[in-house]
Protein backbone atom coordinates (compact mmCIF):
# COMPACT_ATOMS: atom_id res chain seq x y z
CA MET A 1 -2.36 161.44 109.06
CA SER A 2 -4.22 161.74 105.75
CA ASP A 3 -4.33 159.44 102.76
CA ALA A 4 -1.87 162.01 101.03
CA ASP A 5 0.73 160.67 103.45
CA PRO A 6 2.39 157.23 102.57
CA THR A 7 2.10 154.31 105.03
CA VAL A 8 5.09 152.17 105.97
CA ALA A 9 3.86 148.68 106.69
CA ILE A 10 5.83 145.86 108.60
CA PRO A 11 4.52 142.17 109.55
CA THR A 12 6.49 141.29 112.60
CA ARG A 13 7.18 138.28 115.08
CA ASP A 14 9.87 138.60 117.75
CA GLY A 15 11.76 141.20 115.86
CA GLY A 16 14.14 141.91 118.46
CA GLU A 17 16.88 144.28 118.18
CA MET A 18 16.67 144.08 114.35
CA LEU A 19 13.20 145.73 114.56
CA ALA A 20 14.20 148.26 117.19
CA ARG A 21 16.93 149.43 114.42
CA THR A 22 14.42 149.52 111.73
CA LEU A 23 11.87 151.58 113.84
CA SER A 24 14.53 154.00 114.95
CA ALA A 25 15.44 154.60 111.25
CA LEU A 26 11.88 155.03 110.15
CA SER A 27 11.48 157.79 113.03
CA ALA A 28 14.29 159.85 111.21
CA GLN A 29 12.70 159.84 107.65
CA THR A 30 12.23 162.91 105.71
CA ILE A 31 8.78 162.03 104.64
CA ALA A 32 5.90 162.00 107.22
CA HIS A 33 4.03 158.51 107.11
CA GLU A 34 1.73 156.34 108.95
CA LEU A 35 3.28 153.34 110.50
CA LEU A 36 1.41 150.20 110.28
CA VAL A 37 2.46 146.99 111.90
CA CYS A 38 0.93 143.46 111.85
CA ASP A 39 2.17 141.20 114.39
CA SER A 40 1.62 137.46 114.67
CA GLY A 41 2.35 136.41 118.08
CA SER A 42 5.26 138.16 119.30
CA SER A 43 6.46 137.27 122.89
CA ASP A 44 9.38 139.59 122.96
CA GLY A 45 7.91 143.00 123.53
CA SER A 46 7.85 143.80 119.69
CA VAL A 47 4.11 144.98 120.00
CA GLU A 48 5.07 147.33 122.72
CA LEU A 49 7.98 148.64 120.88
CA ALA A 50 6.19 149.22 117.76
CA ARG A 51 3.45 151.28 119.67
CA ALA A 52 6.13 153.20 121.25
CA HIS A 53 7.25 154.34 118.03
CA GLY A 54 3.90 155.58 117.01
CA ALA A 55 2.61 152.38 115.10
CA ARG A 56 -0.89 151.22 114.73
CA VAL A 57 -0.47 147.57 115.58
CA LEU A 58 -2.81 144.76 114.09
CA GLU A 59 -2.38 141.49 116.03
CA ILE A 60 -3.17 138.16 114.47
CA ALA A 61 -2.84 134.55 115.46
CA PRO A 62 0.33 132.94 114.32
CA ALA A 63 -1.84 130.33 112.35
CA ARG A 64 -3.43 133.17 110.30
CA PHE A 65 0.12 134.59 108.94
CA SER A 66 0.98 133.78 105.27
CA HIS A 67 3.49 136.05 103.41
CA GLY A 68 0.93 136.98 100.82
CA GLY A 69 -2.30 137.13 102.91
CA THR A 70 -0.69 139.29 105.74
CA ARG A 71 0.50 141.78 103.22
CA ASN A 72 -3.10 142.11 101.68
CA LEU A 73 -4.29 142.64 105.28
CA LEU A 74 -1.63 145.59 105.74
CA MET A 75 -2.47 146.89 102.39
CA ALA A 76 -6.24 146.81 103.22
CA GLU A 77 -5.67 148.64 106.53
CA ALA A 78 -3.19 151.14 105.34
CA SER A 79 -4.43 154.82 104.97
CA GLY A 80 -1.94 155.78 102.46
CA THR A 81 -2.22 155.77 98.74
CA ARG A 82 1.13 154.48 98.50
CA VAL A 83 2.26 151.77 100.85
CA ALA A 84 6.09 151.07 101.72
CA LEU A 85 6.67 147.56 102.84
CA LEU A 86 9.49 146.33 104.78
CA THR A 87 10.54 143.33 106.90
CA GLN A 88 11.26 143.66 110.50
CA ASP A 89 15.03 143.03 109.77
CA ALA A 90 15.28 145.62 106.79
CA GLN A 91 16.60 148.80 108.09
CA PRO A 92 16.40 151.96 105.87
CA ALA A 93 20.03 152.93 105.29
CA ASP A 94 19.52 156.60 105.70
CA ALA A 95 16.81 159.26 106.40
CA ARG A 96 15.74 159.64 102.57
CA TRP A 97 14.92 156.02 102.19
CA LEU A 98 11.37 156.70 101.82
CA GLU A 99 11.58 159.77 99.85
CA ARG A 100 13.73 158.06 97.28
CA LEU A 101 11.49 155.02 97.24
CA LEU A 102 8.57 157.26 96.29
CA GLY A 103 10.48 158.90 93.65
CA GLY A 104 10.15 155.58 91.75
CA PHE A 105 6.42 156.51 90.95
CA GLU A 106 7.70 159.70 89.33
CA LEU A 107 9.51 157.87 86.86
CA ALA A 108 6.57 156.90 84.57
CA PRO A 109 2.84 157.31 85.01
CA ASP A 110 2.20 153.43 84.73
CA VAL A 111 4.59 152.52 87.74
CA GLY A 112 2.85 150.15 90.02
CA ILE A 113 5.33 148.77 92.16
CA ALA A 114 8.94 150.17 93.11
CA PHE A 115 11.75 148.45 94.97
CA GLY A 116 15.12 149.32 96.37
CA ALA A 117 18.53 147.67 97.00
CA TYR A 118 19.74 145.55 100.09
CA LEU A 119 23.08 146.79 101.49
CA PRO A 120 25.19 144.15 103.43
CA ARG A 121 25.32 145.07 107.07
CA PRO A 122 28.89 146.01 108.28
CA GLU A 123 29.42 142.72 110.07
CA ALA A 124 28.38 140.74 107.00
CA SER A 125 30.82 138.05 105.70
CA PRO A 126 32.86 139.11 102.46
CA ALA A 127 30.82 136.19 100.74
CA VAL A 128 27.57 138.05 101.54
CA GLN A 129 28.94 141.31 100.59
CA MET A 130 29.92 140.45 97.38
CA GLU A 131 26.77 138.46 96.64
CA LEU A 132 24.58 141.28 97.43
CA GLU A 133 26.56 144.04 95.74
CA ARG A 134 26.89 142.06 92.70
CA TRP A 135 23.09 141.15 92.18
CA PHE A 136 21.80 144.51 92.88
CA SER A 137 24.45 146.25 90.92
CA SER A 138 23.45 143.96 87.98
CA LEU A 139 19.83 145.39 88.08
CA ALA A 140 21.15 148.95 87.38
CA PRO A 141 24.54 148.81 85.85
CA ASP A 142 24.78 152.51 85.73
CA GLY A 143 23.53 153.09 89.16
CA GLN A 144 20.42 154.88 87.99
CA PRO A 145 16.78 154.33 88.80
CA CYS A 146 15.23 152.19 85.96
CA VAL A 147 11.82 151.04 84.86
CA GLU A 148 10.72 147.51 83.58
CA ARG A 149 7.45 146.66 81.77
CA LEU A 150 6.24 144.10 79.27
CA SER A 151 5.14 144.94 75.82
CA GLU A 152 1.39 144.22 75.00
CA GLN A 153 2.39 141.15 73.30
CA GLU A 154 4.49 139.81 76.05
CA ARG A 155 1.64 140.27 78.64
CA THR A 156 -0.42 137.70 77.19
CA SER A 157 2.31 135.46 75.44
CA MET A 158 5.52 135.31 77.84
CA PRO A 159 5.44 132.36 80.23
CA ALA A 160 6.36 133.05 83.65
CA ARG A 161 9.55 131.12 83.33
CA SER A 162 10.77 133.68 81.16
CA LEU A 163 10.73 136.37 83.93
CA ILE A 164 13.12 134.49 86.07
CA GLY A 165 16.07 137.08 86.69
CA ARG A 166 16.19 140.89 86.29
CA ARG A 167 12.93 141.36 84.56
CA GLY A 168 10.59 139.66 87.07
CA PHE A 169 12.85 140.32 90.11
CA PHE A 170 10.92 142.25 92.91
CA THR A 171 11.32 142.10 96.73
CA ASP A 172 8.78 143.21 99.24
CA ALA A 173 11.43 143.41 101.98
CA ASN A 174 11.99 146.86 100.65
CA ALA A 175 9.34 148.02 98.31
CA CYS A 176 6.32 150.36 97.68
CA VAL A 177 3.09 149.39 96.09
CA ALA A 178 0.49 151.93 94.73
CA ARG A 179 -2.92 151.31 96.30
CA ALA A 180 -4.70 151.70 92.97
CA ALA A 181 -2.62 149.00 91.47
CA TRP A 182 -2.89 146.86 94.32
CA GLU A 183 -6.58 147.17 94.20
CA ARG A 184 -6.50 145.53 90.81
CA VAL A 185 -3.66 143.25 91.44
CA PRO A 186 -3.56 142.12 95.14
CA PHE A 187 -0.94 139.61 96.39
CA ARG A 188 -1.67 135.83 96.02
CA GLU A 189 -2.05 134.11 99.48
CA VAL A 190 0.86 132.04 98.69
CA ALA A 191 3.31 130.44 101.37
CA TYR A 192 6.51 131.80 99.68
CA ALA A 193 7.77 133.99 96.83
CA GLU A 194 4.77 136.23 97.17
CA ASP A 195 6.79 139.27 95.83
CA ARG A 196 7.92 137.56 92.72
CA VAL A 197 4.16 136.55 92.07
CA LEU A 198 3.02 140.03 92.54
CA ALA A 199 5.70 141.35 90.10
CA ILE A 200 4.62 138.77 87.41
CA ASP A 201 0.87 139.79 87.96
CA MET A 202 1.53 143.43 87.96
CA LEU A 203 3.67 143.32 84.68
CA ARG A 204 0.98 141.28 82.90
CA ALA A 205 -1.65 143.47 83.97
CA GLY A 206 0.00 146.30 82.45
CA TYR A 207 2.04 148.10 85.27
CA ALA A 208 5.58 148.93 85.22
CA LYS A 209 8.06 147.96 87.97
CA ALA A 210 10.71 150.72 89.15
CA PHE A 211 14.06 149.83 90.76
CA VAL A 212 15.49 152.69 92.73
CA PRO A 213 19.13 151.62 93.91
CA ASP A 214 19.65 154.57 96.26
CA ALA A 215 16.39 153.65 98.26
CA ALA A 216 18.60 151.03 100.14
CA VAL A 217 18.09 149.07 103.30
CA LEU A 218 20.54 147.18 105.57
CA HIS A 219 19.31 143.62 104.80
CA SER A 220 21.83 140.61 105.14
CA HIS A 221 22.09 137.31 106.89
CA ASP A 222 25.27 135.45 107.72
CA TYR A 223 24.07 131.85 108.03
CA THR A 224 26.17 128.79 108.74
CA ALA A 225 26.72 126.42 105.86
CA VAL A 226 23.67 124.32 106.87
CA GLN A 227 21.46 127.30 107.38
CA GLU A 228 22.35 128.67 103.87
CA LEU A 229 21.66 125.26 102.38
CA ARG A 230 18.20 125.44 103.98
CA ARG A 231 17.50 129.09 103.17
CA CYS A 232 18.21 128.08 99.49
CA PHE A 233 16.05 125.15 99.66
CA ASP A 234 13.21 127.46 100.57
CA GLU A 235 14.10 129.87 97.81
CA TRP A 236 14.67 127.29 95.14
CA ARG A 237 11.54 125.52 96.24
CA GLY A 238 9.70 128.93 95.59
CA LEU A 239 11.26 129.23 92.04
CA ARG A 240 9.91 125.66 91.22
CA GLU A 241 6.50 126.57 92.60
CA VAL A 242 6.30 129.89 90.64
CA TYR A 243 8.25 129.32 87.61
CA GLY A 244 8.62 125.63 87.39
CA TRP A 245 12.30 126.14 87.45
CA ARG A 246 14.50 123.09 88.01
CA GLU A 247 18.13 123.56 88.84
CA PRO A 248 20.48 121.44 86.36
CA VAL A 249 22.57 118.89 88.07
CA ARG A 250 25.06 118.30 85.31
CA PRO A 251 28.50 118.15 86.87
CA THR A 252 29.81 120.37 84.24
CA TYR A 253 27.11 123.02 84.88
CA LEU A 254 27.66 122.90 88.76
CA VAL A 255 31.56 123.27 88.40
CA SER A 256 31.40 126.04 86.08
CA ARG A 257 29.02 127.91 88.30
CA LEU A 258 31.12 127.37 91.33
CA ARG A 259 34.19 128.52 89.27
CA GLY A 260 32.45 131.50 88.00
CA GLU A 261 31.69 132.73 91.51
CA LEU A 262 35.31 132.16 92.51
CA GLY A 263 36.55 133.98 89.47
CA GLU A 264 34.32 136.87 90.10
CA ALA A 265 35.63 136.90 93.92
CA ARG A 266 39.24 136.77 92.68
CA ARG A 267 38.78 139.71 90.34
CA GLU A 268 37.26 141.73 93.16
CA LEU A 269 39.93 141.12 95.72
CA THR A 270 42.70 141.74 93.13
CA SER A 271 40.80 145.17 92.40
CA VAL A 272 41.13 146.34 96.02
CA GLY A 273 44.72 144.82 96.36
CA ALA A 274 43.81 142.22 99.00
CA SER A 275 46.83 140.45 100.66
CA PRO A 276 47.41 136.77 99.89
CA ALA A 277 46.29 135.70 103.21
CA ARG A 278 43.00 137.58 102.87
CA ARG A 279 42.45 136.38 99.43
CA ARG A 280 42.80 132.68 100.42
CA ALA A 281 40.52 133.28 103.61
CA THR A 282 37.83 135.00 101.44
CA LEU A 283 37.94 132.38 98.48
CA ALA A 284 37.51 129.61 101.13
CA ALA A 285 34.47 131.10 102.54
CA VAL A 286 33.14 132.04 99.12
CA SER A 287 33.45 128.30 98.22
CA ARG A 288 31.87 127.12 101.42
CA HIS A 289 28.90 129.77 100.87
CA HIS A 290 28.36 128.69 97.29
CA VAL A 291 28.45 125.00 97.73
CA ALA A 292 25.91 125.40 100.27
CA ARG A 293 23.82 127.41 97.95
CA ILE A 294 24.27 125.06 95.08
CA ALA A 295 23.10 122.16 97.05
CA GLY A 296 19.96 124.04 98.47
CA ALA A 297 19.14 124.94 94.85
CA VAL A 298 19.39 121.51 93.51
CA LEU A 299 17.37 120.14 96.36
CA GLY A 300 14.70 122.94 96.48
CA SER A 301 14.08 122.82 93.02
CA ARG A 302 13.12 119.22 93.21
CA ALA A 303 11.18 119.43 96.63
CA ASP A 304 8.07 118.04 94.91
CA ALA A 305 9.86 114.61 94.89
CA PHE A 306 10.31 114.58 98.73
CA PRO A 307 7.88 113.48 101.29
CA PRO A 308 6.49 116.40 103.52
CA ALA A 309 8.68 115.48 106.70
CA VAL A 310 11.88 115.61 104.47
CA ARG A 311 10.75 119.14 103.08
CA ARG A 312 10.19 120.36 106.57
CA GLY A 313 13.57 119.08 107.71
CA LEU A 314 15.31 120.92 104.69
CA SER A 315 13.48 124.11 105.27
CA LEU A 316 14.75 126.96 107.14
CA GLU A 317 11.09 128.12 107.59
CA ARG A 318 10.06 124.58 108.55
CA ARG A 319 7.39 124.60 105.63
CA ALA A 320 6.39 121.06 104.59
CA GLY A 321 4.18 121.89 101.69
CA PHE A 322 4.86 122.19 97.81
CA ALA A 323 2.24 124.40 96.19
CA PRO A 324 3.07 124.94 92.41
CA LEU A 325 1.06 127.76 90.81
CA GLU A 326 -0.39 127.95 87.37
CA LEU A 327 0.66 131.56 86.60
CA ASP A 328 0.12 130.99 82.69
CA ALA A 329 -3.54 130.80 83.01
CA PRO A 330 -5.26 134.09 82.06
CA ILE A 331 -6.95 136.33 84.68
CA ASP A 332 -9.77 138.69 83.85
CA ARG A 333 -8.93 142.12 85.25
CA PRO A 334 -10.67 145.51 84.53
CA PRO A 335 -8.55 147.52 82.35
CA ILE A 336 -6.22 149.98 83.86
CA PRO A 337 -7.59 153.69 84.00
CA PRO A 338 -6.42 155.90 81.31
CA VAL A 339 -3.54 158.21 82.78
CA GLU A 340 -4.70 161.71 82.76
CA ASP A 341 -2.78 164.28 80.54
CA GLU A 342 -1.49 167.03 82.95
CA THR A 343 0.23 168.96 80.28
CA PRO A 344 -1.31 172.49 80.29
């Protein structure tokens, strides 16, 4: 492999069958690539499986793993000038995943990061299917690739909190990062939400962010209600740490939010002609799903008020800490090199 070939990089730990599916899908890609894995203490044969698929494997102790730090290690070790990032349970949906994802950098010369959509797995519950399809459709309503960037004024004056939602969204479970951009703007070594933080830093540094809907991966989880609450506790604790966001607790807000989700579900079920029995079962599942999500959001965005033992108990990742970031402080970086005009 040469640095002209992209790298696909994956952090792993006991990836099991999901990792096997991801590696098999990568072996079918239309674009030649280096495969790089960083394993943090697997005991299920994940290291051997990755090597059998041609991966170069870095091994670190579990205590050395962090979401931002481990991805920085992968970026530093990768040979490609563009590094695609996956998680071990994010399976490319087809053989052109990497080809399409790399196409995000052709949309504009200032694109520093690109990402694709999640598709629900075939066995995913209707509630999870609706949630994923609705969110990623909202990022590109016309289904076409799109580019997001900040104006020069926004880079210096827009607070991080204003980038909650579409403008600041980015996921490194299905992403690609230009090495030149990462060398100026690396991942921060944070415990959670390292991808959201990278997006904010990249946009503020003057890079654009591309979303490529067709560069999709199969990536969904069907949690129990308790697991969903704990996952959302982690997610909203991350939003609190990154953006300072605190989920409202007004009863009118919470009720309207749940009604909105049920209303969207009813419209989707009606549009496909679902039977009354299917509508009832699906709406009940959607209710359980979103009640758990709302509870996790309310608790997670107030994680700073809980002692570490309570945070650990509420966290799906078993993380006890709370580490708010000061993202609105200015950072000195060298300017982006000018883009050469290739017009003859």
